Amino acid sequence: MFEGVIPALITPFREDASQSLDIEGLRSCIEHVISGGVHGLLPCGSTGESATMTHAEHIRVIEEAVSAANNRIPVIAGTGSNNTEEALLMTRAAKIAGADGALLISPYYNKPNRSGLLKHYKKVADVGLPVVVYNIPGRTGQNLPPDLIIEMAKTIPNIVAVKEASGNIDQMMAIIHGLEGMEREYPFVLTSGDDSLTLPVLSIGGQGCISVTANIEPKRMVTMYNSFVKGDMDGARKIHYELMELSKAMFMDVNPVPVKRAAEIRGLIASGNVRLPLDSLTPEMTEKLREVLSHYD
């Protein structure tokens, strides 16, 4: 469940005073990635600027993503929070909207203890949606260790995957190895949260990526993944290195600042602006990004 290339969708905003949602732009982005062959959609994650959206906006974006997907591919909605009750509210709303799963970032700022983390994830998983645990210590200030992920996978049936964005390959191998042979309705999926590590993660037993780069180059990302699955390592490696420059450019500034500007340059959205406290890409960085993108025309 939830294998393959899944873009962490951007949320386009209009150039008005309130930076209201650009639903037409969102649908354009969704059609772009679906036409590129992606295996799922992830609205309202970190790349989707969920932290600066109202609850009503958050739910609207999930609804629009589900509608645009139209049962062609699954939709995993970002519904996490450092507040368990808020995570429950958003996960219930995602379920009502028709999402196929929920991505739950580990609670940030609070730095909960182990028992608190287990209770948090179990309570939200009990809503009934398949849950992808999101480990990104660079944003949350707390790493989820392998033994905790393994315990959750073994004791909470609705936890079906982990998005690993720690950058720690040893940690990912420990999770994959620790869950080998485990019997459950769906095999537990480990997916890369770092584009530049997608191929290395696949090589150790990961099953895909939740990707920023796939917003811009979905077809290349999917071709790399499909080549690996078919056993064409040379082909997968070739595309991995082709994408390396773009993947680095997506993080020349804080995500999603570069990818939104890239989507604007590519004509997918009218404006690549972001909401404060993020700020738009500088003119100098924008020119550098244009140069990088010209290599992928």
Protein backbone atom coordinates (compact mmCIF):
# COMPACT_ATOMS: atom_id res chain seq x y z
CA MET A 1 0.00 0.00 0.00
CA PHE A 2 1.26 3.46 -0.99
CA GLU A 3 4.34 2.23 -2.88
CA GLY A 4 5.89 4.16 -5.75
CA VAL A 5 6.35 7.85 -6.51
CA ILE A 6 4.00 10.09 -4.55
CA PRO A 7 4.46 13.85 -4.98
CA ALA A 8 4.15 15.98 -1.87
CA LEU A 9 1.91 18.52 -3.58
CA ILE A 10 2.45 22.25 -3.39
CA THR A 11 -0.51 24.46 -2.46
CA PRO A 12 -0.71 27.38 -4.93
CA PHE A 13 -1.82 30.76 -3.57
CA ARG A 14 -3.17 33.74 -5.48
CA GLU A 15 -1.45 37.13 -5.65
CA ASP A 16 -4.14 38.84 -3.57
CA ALA A 17 -3.80 40.41 -0.13
CA SER A 18 -4.90 37.27 1.69
CA GLN A 19 -3.03 34.87 -0.62
CA SER A 20 -6.20 32.85 -1.08
CA LEU A 21 -6.14 29.31 -2.44
CA ASP A 22 -5.56 28.95 -6.17
CA ILE A 23 -7.75 25.92 -6.83
CA GLU A 24 -7.26 26.12 -10.60
CA GLY A 25 -3.50 26.02 -10.05
CA LEU A 26 -3.84 23.08 -7.66
CA ARG A 27 -5.79 21.12 -10.25
CA SER A 28 -3.20 22.00 -12.90
CA CYS A 29 -0.45 20.60 -10.67
CA ILE A 30 -2.43 17.44 -9.99
CA GLU A 31 -3.09 16.78 -13.67
CA HIS A 32 0.58 17.39 -14.42
CA VAL A 33 1.78 14.75 -11.97
CA ILE A 34 -0.94 12.24 -12.84
CA SER A 35 -0.05 12.56 -16.52
CA GLY A 36 3.52 11.80 -15.46
CA GLY A 37 2.40 8.45 -14.07
CA VAL A 38 2.73 9.02 -10.32
CA HIS A 39 1.34 6.40 -7.97
CA GLY A 40 -0.44 8.67 -5.48
CA LEU A 41 -0.96 12.24 -4.26
CA LEU A 42 -0.07 13.84 -0.95
CA PRO A 43 -1.78 17.18 -0.31
CA CYS A 44 -1.24 19.27 2.84
CA GLY A 45 2.18 18.02 3.87
CA SER A 46 5.19 20.21 4.64
CA THR A 47 5.55 21.01 0.93
CA GLY A 48 1.87 21.97 0.87
CA GLU A 49 2.39 24.62 3.59
CA SER A 50 -0.21 23.05 5.84
CA ALA A 51 1.28 24.92 8.80
CA THR A 52 0.00 28.25 7.46
CA MET A 53 -3.41 27.13 6.23
CA THR A 54 -6.64 27.48 8.17
CA HIS A 55 -8.57 24.32 8.97
CA ALA A 56 -11.14 25.25 6.32
CA GLU A 57 -8.41 25.72 3.68
CA HIS A 58 -6.72 22.49 4.70
CA ILE A 59 -9.93 20.51 4.31
CA ARG A 60 -10.74 22.25 1.00
CA VAL A 61 -7.37 21.28 -0.48
CA ILE A 62 -7.88 17.64 0.57
CA GLU A 63 -11.36 17.64 -0.95
CA GLU A 64 -10.08 19.14 -4.20
CA ALA A 65 -7.25 16.61 -4.40
CA VAL A 66 -9.66 13.71 -3.89
CA SER A 67 -12.00 15.16 -6.52
CA ALA A 68 -9.19 15.76 -9.03
CA ALA A 69 -7.73 12.28 -8.48
CA ASN A 70 -11.18 10.85 -9.24
CA ASN A 71 -10.19 7.37 -8.02
CA ARG A 72 -7.33 7.15 -10.53
CA ILE A 73 -4.68 7.02 -7.80
CA PRO A 74 -4.82 7.11 -3.99
CA VAL A 75 -4.73 10.34 -1.97
CA ILE A 76 -2.82 10.46 1.31
CA ALA A 77 -3.81 13.59 3.22
CA GLY A 78 -1.43 15.36 5.55
CA THR A 79 -3.36 15.59 8.82
CA GLY A 80 -0.67 15.65 11.51
CA SER A 81 -0.26 18.10 14.35
CA ASN A 82 1.55 18.48 17.67
CA ASN A 83 -1.95 18.56 19.18
CA THR A 84 -3.58 15.11 19.18
CA GLU A 85 -7.11 16.53 19.16
CA GLU A 86 -6.29 18.67 16.13
CA ALA A 87 -4.78 15.66 14.36
CA LEU A 88 -7.98 13.74 15.10
CA LEU A 89 -10.11 16.59 13.74
CA MET A 90 -8.16 16.79 10.48
CA THR A 91 -7.94 13.01 10.04
CA ARG A 92 -11.70 12.63 10.51
CA ALA A 93 -12.25 15.41 7.97
CA ALA A 94 -9.89 13.69 5.52
CA LYS A 95 -11.79 10.44 5.93
CA ILE A 96 -15.10 12.19 5.24
CA ALA A 97 -13.55 13.86 2.18
CA GLY A 98 -12.67 10.44 0.77
CA ALA A 99 -8.91 10.34 1.31
CA ASP A 100 -7.32 6.91 1.13
CA GLY A 101 -4.83 7.49 3.93
CA ALA A 102 -3.33 10.03 6.31
CA LEU A 103 0.24 11.25 6.74
CA LEU A 104 0.96 12.06 10.39
CA ILE A 105 4.06 14.06 11.20
CA SER A 106 5.50 13.19 14.60
CA PRO A 107 4.34 15.80 17.12
CA TYR A 108 6.70 18.75 16.93
CA TYR A 109 7.73 21.14 19.73
CA ASN A 110 6.21 18.99 22.52
CA LYS A 111 8.95 16.32 22.30
CA PRO A 112 6.60 13.63 23.65
CA ASN A 113 7.91 10.59 25.51
CA ARG A 114 7.64 7.09 24.03
CA SER A 115 4.32 6.18 25.63
CA GLY A 116 2.86 9.51 24.52
CA LEU A 117 3.93 8.90 20.93
CA LEU A 118 2.41 5.42 20.92
CA LYS A 119 -0.88 6.70 22.36
CA HIS A 120 -0.95 9.64 19.93
CA TYR A 121 -0.52 7.46 16.86
CA LYS A 122 -2.91 4.77 18.08
CA LYS A 123 -5.64 7.29 18.86
CA VAL A 124 -5.42 8.88 15.42
CA ALA A 125 -5.10 5.53 13.65
CA ASP A 126 -8.34 4.46 15.34
CA VAL A 127 -10.15 6.99 13.10
CA GLY A 128 -9.93 4.21 10.52
CA LEU A 129 -7.70 5.58 7.76
CA PRO A 130 -4.42 3.85 6.89
CA VAL A 131 -1.67 5.94 8.50
CA VAL A 132 1.79 6.84 7.18
CA VAL A 133 4.08 7.89 10.04
CA TYR A 134 6.21 10.88 9.05
CA ASN A 135 9.66 11.05 10.64
CA ILE A 136 11.46 14.31 9.86
CA PRO A 137 13.58 15.25 12.88
CA GLY A 138 14.98 18.34 11.14
CA ARG A 139 11.51 19.92 11.40
CA THR A 140 10.15 18.30 14.55
CA GLY A 141 13.23 18.32 16.79
CA GLN A 142 12.75 14.64 17.65
CA ASN A 143 13.75 11.46 15.85
CA LEU A 144 11.48 8.40 15.86
CA PRO A 145 13.89 5.49 16.49
CA PRO A 146 13.62 2.23 14.54
CA ASP A 147 12.41 0.18 17.50
CA LEU A 148 9.50 2.60 17.99
CA ILE A 149 8.48 2.42 14.32
CA ILE A 150 8.71 -1.38 14.49
CA GLU A 151 6.56 -1.48 17.63
CA MET A 152 3.91 0.73 16.03
CA ALA A 153 3.89 -1.39 12.86
CA LYS A 154 3.43 -4.55 14.94
CA THR A 155 0.82 -3.27 17.39
CA ILE A 156 -1.28 -0.71 15.48
CA PRO A 157 -2.85 -2.38 12.41
CA ASN A 158 -3.77 0.86 10.63
CA ILE A 159 -0.16 2.06 10.61
CA VAL A 160 0.92 0.88 7.17
CA ALA A 161 4.02 2.91 6.29
CA VAL A 162 6.70 5.34 7.37
CA LYS A 163 7.97 8.32 5.41
CA GLU A 164 11.61 8.40 6.46
CA ALA A 165 13.17 11.85 6.13
CA SER A 166 15.88 11.44 8.76
CA GLY A 167 18.50 10.90 6.05
CA ASN A 168 19.85 8.03 8.15
CA ILE A 169 20.24 4.93 5.96
CA ASP A 170 21.30 2.79 8.93
CA GLN A 171 18.04 3.67 10.66
CA MET A 172 16.01 2.77 7.57
CA MET A 173 17.79 -0.57 7.23
CA ALA A 174 17.03 -1.33 10.88
CA ILE A 175 13.31 -0.73 10.27
CA ILE A 176 13.20 -2.83 7.09
CA HIS A 177 15.21 -5.67 8.62
CA GLY A 178 13.23 -5.56 11.87
CA LEU A 179 9.94 -6.04 10.03
CA GLU A 180 11.04 -8.80 7.66
CA GLY A 181 8.64 -11.71 7.69
CA MET A 182 5.98 -9.88 9.71
CA GLU A 183 2.51 -11.10 8.77
CA ARG A 184 -0.13 -8.42 8.27
CA GLU A 185 -2.92 -7.62 5.80
CA TYR A 186 -0.69 -5.20 3.88
CA PRO A 187 3.12 -5.29 3.87
CA PHE A 188 4.60 -2.37 5.80
CA VAL A 189 6.08 0.22 3.45
CA LEU A 190 9.15 2.37 4.05
CA THR A 191 9.28 5.29 1.66
CA SER A 192 12.03 7.85 1.22
CA GLY A 193 11.34 11.43 2.27
CA ASP A 194 14.48 12.73 0.57
CA ASP A 195 14.56 12.82 -3.24
CA SER A 196 18.33 12.40 -3.47
CA LEU A 197 18.08 9.19 -1.41
CA THR A 198 15.27 7.58 -3.38
CA LEU A 199 17.42 5.12 -5.31
CA PRO A 200 19.62 4.21 -2.31
CA VAL A 201 16.47 3.62 -0.23
CA LEU A 202 14.97 1.42 -2.94
CA SER A 203 18.21 -0.59 -3.02
CA ILE A 204 17.94 -1.47 0.69
CA GLY A 205 14.30 -2.54 0.46
CA GLY A 206 12.33 0.71 0.51
CA GLN A 207 9.28 0.87 -1.72
CA GLY A 208 9.17 4.41 -3.07
CA CYS A 209 9.38 8.09 -2.27
CA ILE A 210 7.20 10.96 -1.16
CA SER A 211 8.79 13.50 -3.40
CA VAL A 212 9.24 17.24 -3.87
CA THR A 213 11.01 16.85 -7.23
CA ALA A 214 8.08 14.88 -8.65
CA ASN A 215 6.03 18.09 -8.65
CA ILE A 216 8.26 19.27 -11.50
CA GLU A 217 9.60 16.09 -13.13
CA PRO A 218 7.07 13.36 -12.35
CA LYS A 219 7.74 11.31 -15.48
CA ARG A 220 11.49 11.07 -14.84
CA MET A 221 10.93 10.13 -11.19
CA VAL A 222 8.43 7.44 -12.19
CA THR A 223 10.71 6.10 -14.91
CA MET A 224 13.54 5.79 -12.40
CA TYR A 225 11.29 3.90 -9.97
CA ASN A 226 9.86 1.64 -12.68
CA SER A 227 13.35 0.89 -14.01
CA PHE A 228 14.44 -0.22 -10.55
CA VAL A 229 11.35 -2.39 -10.05
CA LYS A 230 11.98 -4.07 -13.41
CA GLY A 231 15.57 -4.81 -12.45
CA ASP A 232 17.11 -2.26 -14.81
CA MET A 233 19.64 -0.88 -12.35
CA ASP A 234 21.71 0.85 -15.02
CA GLY A 235 18.64 2.70 -16.28
CA ALA A 236 17.54 3.66 -12.76
CA ARG A 237 21.02 4.85 -11.87
CA LYS A 238 21.24 6.95 -15.04
CA ILE A 239 18.04 8.83 -14.22
CA HIS A 240 19.03 9.15 -10.56
CA TYR A 241 22.12 11.10 -11.60
CA GLU A 242 20.17 13.06 -14.22
CA LEU A 243 17.81 14.26 -11.49
CA MET A 244 20.51 15.02 -8.93
CA GLU A 245 20.99 18.67 -9.97
CA LEU A 246 17.24 19.34 -9.89
CA SER A 247 16.78 17.57 -6.56
CA LYS A 248 19.51 19.74 -5.05
CA ALA A 249 17.93 22.87 -6.54
CA MET A 250 14.63 22.04 -4.85
CA PHE A 251 16.43 22.64 -1.56
CA MET A 252 18.56 25.68 -2.44
CA ASP A 253 16.22 27.42 0.02
CA VAL A 254 13.69 26.13 2.52
CA ASN A 255 11.10 23.77 1.02
CA PRO A 256 8.69 24.63 -0.61
CA VAL A 257 10.12 28.01 -1.64
CA PRO A 258 12.16 26.70 -4.64
CA VAL A 259 9.64 24.13 -5.89
CA LYS A 260 6.84 26.69 -5.97
CA ARG A 261 8.96 29.08 -8.00
CA ALA A 262 9.89 26.19 -10.30
CA ALA A 263 6.20 25.40 -10.81
CA GLU A 264 5.60 29.04 -11.71
CA ILE A 265 8.52 29.06 -14.17
CA ARG A 266 7.15 25.89 -15.77
CA GLY A 267 3.71 27.53 -16.13
CA LEU A 268 1.92 25.10 -13.83
CA ILE A 269 0.74 27.87 -11.50
CA ALA A 270 0.30 31.63 -11.83
CA SER A 271 2.35 32.52 -8.77
CA GLY A 272 5.05 30.76 -6.77
CA ASN A 273 4.51 32.92 -3.71
CA VAL A 274 4.59 31.44 -0.22
CA ARG A 275 3.00 32.54 3.03
CA LEU A 276 4.91 34.20 5.84
CA PRO A 277 6.98 33.37 7.79
CA LEU A 278 8.42 31.90 4.56
CA ASP A 279 9.48 34.36 1.88
CA SER A 280 9.86 34.01 -1.86
CA LEU A 281 13.03 32.98 -3.64
CA THR A 282 15.51 35.81 -4.24
CA PRO A 283 16.02 37.07 -7.82
CA GLU A 284 19.54 35.63 -7.81
CA MET A 285 18.35 32.19 -6.73
CA THR A 286 15.47 32.38 -9.22
CA GLU A 287 17.91 32.88 -12.08
CA LYS A 288 19.98 29.94 -10.87
CA LEU A 289 16.80 27.84 -10.70
CA ARG A 290 15.85 28.86 -14.26
CA GLU A 291 19.24 27.67 -15.42
CA VAL A 292 18.82 24.31 -13.71
CA LEU A 293 15.32 23.86 -15.13
CA SER A 294 16.59 24.58 -18.64
CA HIS A 295 18.54 21.31 -18.44
CA TYR A 296 15.26 19.38 -18.15
CA ASP A 297 13.34 20.88 -21.07
